[in-house]
Amino acid sequence: MLYPTIGIPTLGTDPFHRYLQYRYTRCLRQAGAKVSLLPLDPSPRMLQAAVTRCDGFLFPGGPDIQPVLYEQLAKPHCGAADPKRDAFELSLLHDVLSEGKPLFCIGRGMQLLNVAFGGTLIQDLKPRQEYAHMDPFHLSFATHPIEVDSDSLVGKLLGTDTVTVNSLHHQAPDDIGEGLWIAASSPEGFPEALELDGYPFCLAVQWHPEHMTRHTPLQRELFTAFVAACRSHSAGPG
């Protein structure tokens, strides 16, 4: 298949969320994919239709995840959640994982992946951070360094063990979910990338490459590799 179809949960219809959605879809289309925006309907019929139709899935950034989903009470400075989105994305993620389809999890998407495998989240980084991790004023530019495992998927795609990235989060994975491992870390030790043992293609990053591709072309490699994996999965064996 020349142009694989990538499913993305819809972010909203107001101008701000449409702009954020555009950043993801633009990068995917530039990498050679078609995009299917998925309504937040967790019914089995809709989930099955999405998993059947799409060759891969991108789980984007967004609001904080409900702490009850990782067996915690909300602490001060934990932001408002979107229970409808939580329910849809967790159900969709489990169905996608069962089919082994390529995954690209960004920002909240990486946190969702960790929660899905039984991990927990740091509900607010500010008391422990050295760099400003919620920095929307510089979303298109690299603002802090991270260390990357050179043997990881993200390390191989970026071709380096150190890179600087943007930062738009105030939460991060804490206890890491079963089967996941940390592929990149911030100077404070916050996970910046996760990978899933034995899964065909799972790329999960805490930063937001969709905002960086213009000024940091290296970040395009993440989208290119993801789309290529979706194309290969769609083509099947042989």
C-alpha atoms as a PDB file:
ATOM      1  CA  MET A   1       0.000   0.000   0.000  1.00  0.00           C
ATOM      2  CA  LEU A   2       1.476   3.323  -1.104  1.00  0.00           C
ATOM      3  CA  TYR A   3      -0.410   5.539   1.353  1.00  0.00           C
ATOM      4  CA  PRO A   4      -1.229   3.769   4.641  1.00  0.00           C
ATOM      5  CA  THR A   5      -4.088   5.103   6.750  1.00  0.00           C
ATOM      6  CA  ILE A   6      -3.233   6.386  10.223  1.00  0.00           C
ATOM      7  CA  GLY A   7      -5.966   6.696  12.854  1.00  0.00           C
ATOM      8  CA  ILE A   8      -5.845   9.607  15.313  1.00  0.00           C
ATOM      9  CA  PRO A   9      -8.423  10.284  18.045  1.00  0.00           C
ATOM     10  CA  THR A  10     -10.087  13.602  17.308  1.00  0.00           C
ATOM     11  CA  LEU A  11      -8.987  16.447  19.562  1.00  0.00           C
ATOM     12  CA  GLY A  12     -11.960  18.772  19.148  1.00  0.00           C
ATOM     13  CA  THR A  13     -13.616  21.156  16.715  1.00  0.00           C
ATOM     14  CA  ASP A  14     -12.680  24.547  18.182  1.00  0.00           C
ATOM     15  CA  PRO A  15      -9.872  26.512  16.434  1.00  0.00           C
ATOM     16  CA  PHE A  16      -7.220  25.697  19.051  1.00  0.00           C
ATOM     17  CA  HIS A  17      -7.745  21.943  18.933  1.00  0.00           C
ATOM     18  CA  ARG A  18      -8.083  21.982  15.153  1.00  0.00           C
ATOM     19  CA  TYR A  19      -4.674  23.670  14.986  1.00  0.00           C
ATOM     20  CA  LEU A  20      -3.139  21.014  17.237  1.00  0.00           C
ATOM     21  CA  GLN A  21      -4.743  18.281  15.124  1.00  0.00           C
ATOM     22  CA  TYR A  22      -3.313  19.899  11.997  1.00  0.00           C
ATOM     23  CA  ARG A  23       0.233  19.645  13.338  1.00  0.00           C
ATOM     24  CA  TYR A  24      -0.040  15.851  13.566  1.00  0.00           C
ATOM     25  CA  THR A  25      -1.868  15.357  10.294  1.00  0.00           C
ATOM     26  CA  ARG A  26       0.539  17.615   8.410  1.00  0.00           C
ATOM     27  CA  CYS A  27       3.570  15.598   9.542  1.00  0.00           C
ATOM     28  CA  LEU A  28       1.904  12.293   8.697  1.00  0.00           C
ATOM     29  CA  ARG A  29       0.814  13.443   5.248  1.00  0.00           C
ATOM     30  CA  GLN A  30       4.274  14.796   4.507  1.00  0.00           C
ATOM     31  CA  ALA A  31       5.619  11.347   5.433  1.00  0.00           C
ATOM     32  CA  GLY A  32       3.268   9.711   2.929  1.00  0.00           C
ATOM     33  CA  ALA A  33       0.186   8.711   4.913  1.00  0.00           C
ATOM     34  CA  LYS A  34      -3.542   9.295   4.825  1.00  0.00           C
ATOM     35  CA  VAL A  35      -5.211  10.295   8.099  1.00  0.00           C
ATOM     36  CA  SER A  36      -8.491   9.109   9.612  1.00  0.00           C
ATOM     37  CA  LEU A  37      -9.806  11.236  12.502  1.00  0.00           C
ATOM     38  CA  LEU A  38     -11.570   8.967  14.972  1.00  0.00           C
ATOM     39  CA  PRO A  39     -14.652  10.125  16.937  1.00  0.00           C
ATOM     40  CA  LEU A  40     -14.508   9.383  20.652  1.00  0.00           C
ATOM     41  CA  ASP A  41     -16.973   6.497  20.499  1.00  0.00           C
ATOM     42  CA  PRO A  42     -15.829   3.497  22.599  1.00  0.00           C
ATOM     43  CA  SER A  43     -18.557   1.160  21.342  1.00  0.00           C
ATOM     44  CA  PRO A  44     -17.197  -2.222  20.180  1.00  0.00           C
ATOM     45  CA  ARG A  45     -18.609  -1.646  16.688  1.00  0.00           C
ATOM     46  CA  MET A  46     -16.798   1.673  16.230  1.00  0.00           C
ATOM     47  CA  LEU A  47     -13.550   0.385  17.731  1.00  0.00           C
ATOM     48  CA  GLN A  48     -13.538  -2.661  15.483  1.00  0.00           C
ATOM     49  CA  ALA A  49     -14.239  -0.514  12.426  1.00  0.00           C
ATOM     50  CA  ALA A  50     -11.315   1.789  13.289  1.00  0.00           C
ATOM     51  CA  VAL A  51      -8.876  -1.044  13.930  1.00  0.00           C
ATOM     52  CA  THR A  52      -9.893  -2.743  10.689  1.00  0.00           C
ATOM     53  CA  ARG A  53      -9.729   0.423   8.581  1.00  0.00           C
ATOM     54  CA  CYS A  54      -6.442   1.883   9.840  1.00  0.00           C
ATOM     55  CA  ASP A  55      -2.926   0.544   9.299  1.00  0.00           C
ATOM     56  CA  GLY A  56      -1.443   2.282  12.350  1.00  0.00           C
ATOM     57  CA  PHE A  57      -2.419   4.635  15.152  1.00  0.00           C
ATOM     58  CA  LEU A  58      -1.063   7.861  16.606  1.00  0.00           C
ATOM     59  CA  PHE A  59      -2.095   8.705  20.169  1.00  0.00           C
ATOM     60  CA  PRO A  60      -1.596  12.473  20.591  1.00  0.00           C
ATOM     61  CA  GLY A  61      -1.054  14.938  23.405  1.00  0.00           C
ATOM     62  CA  GLY A  62      -3.867  16.359  25.499  1.00  0.00           C
ATOM     63  CA  PRO A  63      -5.269  16.722  29.022  1.00  0.00           C
ATOM     64  CA  ASP A  64      -4.179  14.874  32.132  1.00  0.00           C
ATOM     65  CA  ILE A  65      -5.347  11.285  32.541  1.00  0.00           C
ATOM     66  CA  GLN A  66      -7.701  10.525  35.429  1.00  0.00           C
ATOM     67  CA  PRO A  67      -5.558   9.389  38.412  1.00  0.00           C
ATOM     68  CA  VAL A  68      -8.163   6.754  39.300  1.00  0.00           C
ATOM     69  CA  LEU A  69      -7.047   4.868  36.174  1.00  0.00           C
ATOM     70  CA  TYR A  70      -3.658   4.297  37.804  1.00  0.00           C
ATOM     71  CA  GLU A  71      -5.133   3.793  41.280  1.00  0.00           C
ATOM     72  CA  GLN A  72      -4.345   7.198  42.761  1.00  0.00           C
ATOM     73  CA  LEU A  73      -6.323  10.133  44.080  1.00  0.00           C
ATOM     74  CA  ALA A  74      -5.904  13.467  42.346  1.00  0.00           C
ATOM     75  CA  LYS A  75      -3.217  15.616  43.962  1.00  0.00           C
ATOM     76  CA  PRO A  76      -2.914  19.417  43.904  1.00  0.00           C
ATOM     77  CA  HIS A  77      -1.994  20.749  40.445  1.00  0.00           C
ATOM     78  CA  CYS A  78      -3.262  17.652  38.649  1.00  0.00           C
ATOM     79  CA  GLY A  79      -5.204  19.097  35.734  1.00  0.00           C
ATOM     80  CA  ALA A  80      -8.769  18.481  34.640  1.00  0.00           C
ATOM     81  CA  ALA A  81      -9.271  15.199  32.791  1.00  0.00           C
ATOM     82  CA  ASP A  82     -11.516  14.196  29.909  1.00  0.00           C
ATOM     83  CA  PRO A  83     -13.148  10.905  31.007  1.00  0.00           C
ATOM     84  CA  LYS A  84     -14.718  10.350  27.588  1.00  0.00           C
ATOM     85  CA  ARG A  85     -11.355  10.594  25.883  1.00  0.00           C
ATOM     86  CA  ASP A  86      -9.700   8.410  28.529  1.00  0.00           C
ATOM     87  CA  ALA A  87     -12.280   5.662  28.022  1.00  0.00           C
ATOM     88  CA  PHE A  88     -12.086   5.778  24.239  1.00  0.00           C
ATOM     89  CA  GLU A  89      -8.300   5.905  23.960  1.00  0.00           C
ATOM     90  CA  LEU A  90      -7.661   3.138  26.489  1.00  0.00           C
ATOM     91  CA  SER A  91     -10.168   0.854  24.762  1.00  0.00           C
ATOM     92  CA  LEU A  92      -8.726   1.678  21.351  1.00  0.00           C
ATOM     93  CA  LEU A  93      -5.165   1.164  22.558  1.00  0.00           C
ATOM     94  CA  HIS A  94      -5.946  -2.296  23.931  1.00  0.00           C
ATOM     95  CA  ASP A  95      -7.592  -3.301  20.648  1.00  0.00           C
ATOM     96  CA  VAL A  96      -4.682  -1.965  18.595  1.00  0.00           C
ATOM     97  CA  LEU A  97      -2.169  -3.812  20.761  1.00  0.00           C
ATOM     98  CA  SER A  98      -4.088  -7.063  20.296  1.00  0.00           C
ATOM     99  CA  GLU A  99      -3.751  -6.636  16.510  1.00  0.00           C
ATOM    100  CA  GLY A 100      -0.047  -5.737  16.666  1.00  0.00           C
ATOM    101  CA  LYS A 101      -0.474  -2.615  14.541  1.00  0.00           C
ATOM    102  CA  PRO A 102       2.208   0.135  14.598  1.00  0.00           C
ATOM    103  CA  LEU A 103       1.889   2.730  17.354  1.00  0.00           C
ATOM    104  CA  PHE A 104       3.195   6.262  17.737  1.00  0.00           C
ATOM    105  CA  CYS A 105       2.420   7.728  21.187  1.00  0.00           C
ATOM    106  CA  ILE A 106       3.219  11.409  21.776  1.00  0.00           C
ATOM    107  CA  GLY A 107       3.048  13.389  25.032  1.00  0.00           C
ATOM    108  CA  ARG A 108      -0.135  12.275  26.791  1.00  0.00           C
ATOM    109  CA  GLY A 109      -0.079   9.318  24.392  1.00  0.00           C
ATOM    110  CA  MET A 110       3.113   8.027  26.022  1.00  0.00           C
ATOM    111  CA  GLN A 111       1.587   8.479  29.469  1.00  0.00           C
ATOM    112  CA  LEU A 112      -1.517   6.605  28.306  1.00  0.00           C
ATOM    113  CA  LEU A 113       0.657   3.725  27.108  1.00  0.00           C
ATOM    114  CA  ASN A 114       2.298   3.522  30.525  1.00  0.00           C
ATOM    115  CA  VAL A 115      -1.060   3.546  32.337  1.00  0.00           C
ATOM    116  CA  ALA A 116      -2.419   0.865  29.990  1.00  0.00           C
ATOM    117  CA  PHE A 117       0.356  -1.477  31.119  1.00  0.00           C
ATOM    118  CA  GLY A 118      -0.194  -0.827  34.823  1.00  0.00           C
ATOM    119  CA  GLY A 119       2.215   2.084  35.287  1.00  0.00           C
ATOM    120  CA  THR A 120       1.647   5.292  37.236  1.00  0.00           C
ATOM    121  CA  LEU A 121       2.265   8.981  36.598  1.00  0.00           C
ATOM    122  CA  ILE A 122       3.971  11.818  38.430  1.00  0.00           C
ATOM    123  CA  GLN A 123       1.004  14.157  38.718  1.00  0.00           C
ATOM    124  CA  ASP A 124       3.079  17.359  38.712  1.00  0.00           C
ATOM    125  CA  LEU A 125       6.764  17.716  37.837  1.00  0.00           C
ATOM    126  CA  LYS A 126       7.327  21.268  38.989  1.00  0.00           C
ATOM    127  CA  PRO A 127       8.724  20.534  42.477  1.00  0.00           C
ATOM    128  CA  ARG A 128      11.343  18.185  40.958  1.00  0.00           C
ATOM    129  CA  GLN A 129      12.212  19.791  37.638  1.00  0.00           C
ATOM    130  CA  GLU A 130      15.459  21.537  36.661  1.00  0.00           C
ATOM    131  CA  TYR A 131      14.140  22.646  33.261  1.00  0.00           C
ATOM    132  CA  ALA A 132      10.753  24.145  32.444  1.00  0.00           C
ATOM    133  CA  HIS A 133       8.921  21.103  31.113  1.00  0.00           C
ATOM    134  CA  MET A 134       5.702  23.002  30.427  1.00  0.00           C
ATOM    135  CA  ASP A 135       7.062  25.562  27.973  1.00  0.00           C
ATOM    136  CA  PRO A 136       4.376  26.417  25.372  1.00  0.00           C
ATOM    137  CA  PHE A 137       6.157  29.647  24.390  1.00  0.00           C
ATOM    138  CA  HIS A 138       8.938  27.656  22.693  1.00  0.00           C
ATOM    139  CA  LEU A 139       6.947  24.735  21.348  1.00  0.00           C
ATOM    140  CA  SER A 140       8.712  24.793  17.949  1.00  0.00           C
ATOM    141  CA  PHE A 141      12.236  24.781  19.348  1.00  0.00           C
ATOM    142  CA  ALA A 142      14.430  22.449  21.387  1.00  0.00           C
ATOM    143  CA  THR A 143      14.669  23.709  24.967  1.00  0.00           C
ATOM    144  CA  HIS A 144      16.289  20.962  27.056  1.00  0.00           C
ATOM    145  CA  PRO A 145      18.586  17.971  26.522  1.00  0.00           C
ATOM    146  CA  ILE A 146      17.754  14.307  26.919  1.00  0.00           C
ATOM    147  CA  GLU A 147      19.866  11.167  26.968  1.00  0.00           C
ATOM    148  CA  VAL A 148      18.826   8.439  24.545  1.00  0.00           C
ATOM    149  CA  ASP A 149      19.603   4.708  24.684  1.00  0.00           C
ATOM    150  CA  SER A 150      21.523   4.226  21.440  1.00  0.00           C
ATOM    151  CA  ASP A 151      20.182   0.658  21.111  1.00  0.00           C
ATOM    152  CA  SER A 152      16.554   1.783  21.313  1.00  0.00           C
ATOM    153  CA  LEU A 153      14.298   2.400  18.349  1.00  0.00           C
ATOM    154  CA  VAL A 154      14.250   6.149  18.934  1.00  0.00           C
ATOM    155  CA  GLY A 155      18.036   6.174  19.336  1.00  0.00           C
ATOM    156  CA  LYS A 156      18.510   4.378  16.030  1.00  0.00           C
ATOM    157  CA  LEU A 157      16.061   6.669  14.232  1.00  0.00           C
ATOM    158  CA  LEU A 158      17.676   9.848  15.543  1.00  0.00           C
ATOM    159  CA  GLY A 159      21.193   8.433  15.238  1.00  0.00           C
ATOM    160  CA  THR A 160      22.412   9.927  18.504  1.00  0.00           C
ATOM    161  CA  ASP A 161      22.539   9.294  22.248  1.00  0.00           C
ATOM    162  CA  THR A 162      21.899  12.939  23.148  1.00  0.00           C
ATOM    163  CA  VAL A 163      19.347  15.292  21.633  1.00  0.00           C
ATOM    164  CA  THR A 164      17.525  18.468  22.622  1.00  0.00           C
ATOM    165  CA  VAL A 165      13.748  18.547  22.498  1.00  0.00           C
ATOM    166  CA  ASN A 166      10.790  20.812  23.175  1.00  0.00           C
ATOM    167  CA  SER A 167       8.662  20.315  26.261  1.00  0.00           C
ATOM    168  CA  LEU A 168       4.902  20.692  26.779  1.00  0.00           C
ATOM    169  CA  HIS A 169       4.119  18.506  29.782  1.00  0.00           C
ATOM    170  CA  HIS A 170       3.766  18.825  33.541  1.00  0.00           C
ATOM    171  CA  GLN A 171       3.343  15.078  34.144  1.00  0.00           C
ATOM    172  CA  ALA A 172       5.454  12.041  33.294  1.00  0.00           C
ATOM    173  CA  PRO A 173       5.546   8.280  33.816  1.00  0.00           C
ATOM    174  CA  ASP A 174       6.599   7.275  37.324  1.00  0.00           C
ATOM    175  CA  ASP A 175       6.366   3.518  37.913  1.00  0.00           C
ATOM    176  CA  ILE A 176       6.904   1.980  34.494  1.00  0.00           C
ATOM    177  CA  GLY A 177       4.287  -0.441  33.201  1.00  0.00           C
ATOM    178  CA  GLU A 178       5.024  -4.141  32.750  1.00  0.00           C
ATOM    179  CA  GLY A 179       6.840  -4.854  29.493  1.00  0.00           C
ATOM    180  CA  LEU A 180       7.839  -1.226  28.930  1.00  0.00           C
ATOM    181  CA  TRP A 181      11.335   0.200  29.358  1.00  0.00           C
ATOM    182  CA  ILE A 182      12.818   3.684  29.381  1.00  0.00           C
ATOM    183  CA  ALA A 183      14.546   4.552  26.108  1.00  0.00           C
ATOM    184  CA  ALA A 184      15.362   8.205  26.887  1.00  0.00           C
ATOM    185  CA  SER A 185      15.470  10.383  29.996  1.00  0.00           C
ATOM    186  CA  SER A 186      15.635  14.060  30.934  1.00  0.00           C
ATOM    187  CA  PRO A 187      18.497  15.348  33.139  1.00  0.00           C
ATOM    188  CA  GLU A 188      16.186  15.022  36.170  1.00  0.00           C
ATOM    189  CA  GLY A 189      15.503  11.375  35.334  1.00  0.00           C
ATOM    190  CA  PHE A 190      11.976  11.811  33.939  1.00  0.00           C
ATOM    191  CA  PRO A 191      11.234   9.293  31.158  1.00  0.00           C
ATOM    192  CA  GLU A 192      11.288  10.945  27.716  1.00  0.00           C
ATOM    193  CA  ALA A 193      10.747   7.816  25.602  1.00  0.00           C
ATOM    194  CA  LEU A 194       9.356   4.355  26.274  1.00  0.00           C
ATOM    195  CA  GLU A 195       9.506   1.142  24.279  1.00  0.00           C
ATOM    196  CA  LEU A 196       7.534  -2.086  24.481  1.00  0.00           C
ATOM    197  CA  ASP A 197       9.389  -5.391  24.565  1.00  0.00           C
ATOM    198  CA  GLY A 198       8.625  -7.690  21.677  1.00  0.00           C
ATOM    199  CA  TYR A 199       6.166  -5.378  19.916  1.00  0.00           C
ATOM    200  CA  PRO A 200       6.624  -4.930  16.143  1.00  0.00           C
ATOM    201  CA  PHE A 201       6.690  -1.089  16.184  1.00  0.00           C
ATOM    202  CA  CYS A 202       5.933   1.065  19.207  1.00  0.00           C
ATOM    203  CA  LEU A 203       7.440   4.549  19.324  1.00  0.00           C
ATOM    204  CA  ALA A 204       6.510   6.569  22.432  1.00  0.00           C
ATOM    205  CA  VAL A 205       8.021   9.990  23.171  1.00  0.00           C
ATOM    206  CA  GLN A 206       7.224  12.622  25.767  1.00  0.00           C
ATOM    207  CA  TRP A 207       8.219  15.595  23.611  1.00  0.00           C
ATOM    208  CA  HIS A 208       6.232  16.877  20.627  1.00  0.00           C
ATOM    209  CA  PRO A 209       8.044  16.294  17.330  1.00  0.00           C
ATOM    210  CA  GLU A 210       5.024  17.521  15.348  1.00  0.00           C
ATOM    211  CA  HIS A 211       5.958  21.069  16.391  1.00  0.00           C
ATOM    212  CA  MET A 212       9.704  20.656  15.783  1.00  0.00           C
ATOM    213  CA  THR A 213       9.951  19.346  12.225  1.00  0.00           C
ATOM    214  CA  ARG A 214      10.319  22.754  10.568  1.00  0.00           C
ATOM    215  CA  HIS A 215      13.272  23.926  12.651  1.00  0.00           C
ATOM    216  CA  THR A 216      14.689  20.485  13.509  1.00  0.00           C
ATOM    217  CA  PRO A 217      14.367  18.302  10.389  1.00  0.00           C
ATOM    218  CA  LEU A 218      15.817  15.301  12.252  1.00  0.00           C
ATOM    219  CA  GLN A 219      12.490  14.946  14.051  1.00  0.00           C
ATOM    220  CA  ARG A 220      10.845  14.093  10.717  1.00  0.00           C
ATOM    221  CA  GLU A 221      12.591  10.719  10.907  1.00  0.00           C
ATOM    222  CA  LEU A 222      10.140   9.639  13.603  1.00  0.00           C
ATOM    223  CA  PHE A 223       7.139  10.221  11.335  1.00  0.00           C
ATOM    224  CA  THR A 224       8.890   8.729   8.311  1.00  0.00           C
ATOM    225  CA  ALA A 225       9.732   5.534  10.202  1.00  0.00           C
ATOM    226  CA  PHE A 226       6.228   5.242  11.659  1.00  0.00           C
ATOM    227  CA  VAL A 227       4.548   5.617   8.273  1.00  0.00           C
ATOM    228  CA  ALA A 228       6.988   3.110   6.752  1.00  0.00           C
ATOM    229  CA  ALA A 229       6.113   0.609   9.505  1.00  0.00           C
ATOM    230  CA  CYS A 230       2.397   1.119   8.810  1.00  0.00           C
ATOM    231  CA  ARG A 231       2.997   0.571   5.100  1.00  0.00           C
ATOM    232  CA  SER A 232       4.940  -2.629   5.758  1.00  0.00           C
ATOM    233  CA  HIS A 233       2.330  -3.932   8.188  1.00  0.00           C
ATOM    234  CA  SER A 234      -0.423  -3.291   5.674  1.00  0.00           C
ATOM    235  CA  ALA A 235       1.500  -5.096   2.939  1.00  0.00           C
ATOM    236  CA  GLY A 236       1.761  -8.197   5.115  1.00  0.00           C
ATOM    237  CA  PRO A 237       4.389 -10.980   4.873  1.00  0.00           C
ATOM    238  CA  GLY A 238       6.355 -11.401   1.700  1.00  0.00           C
END
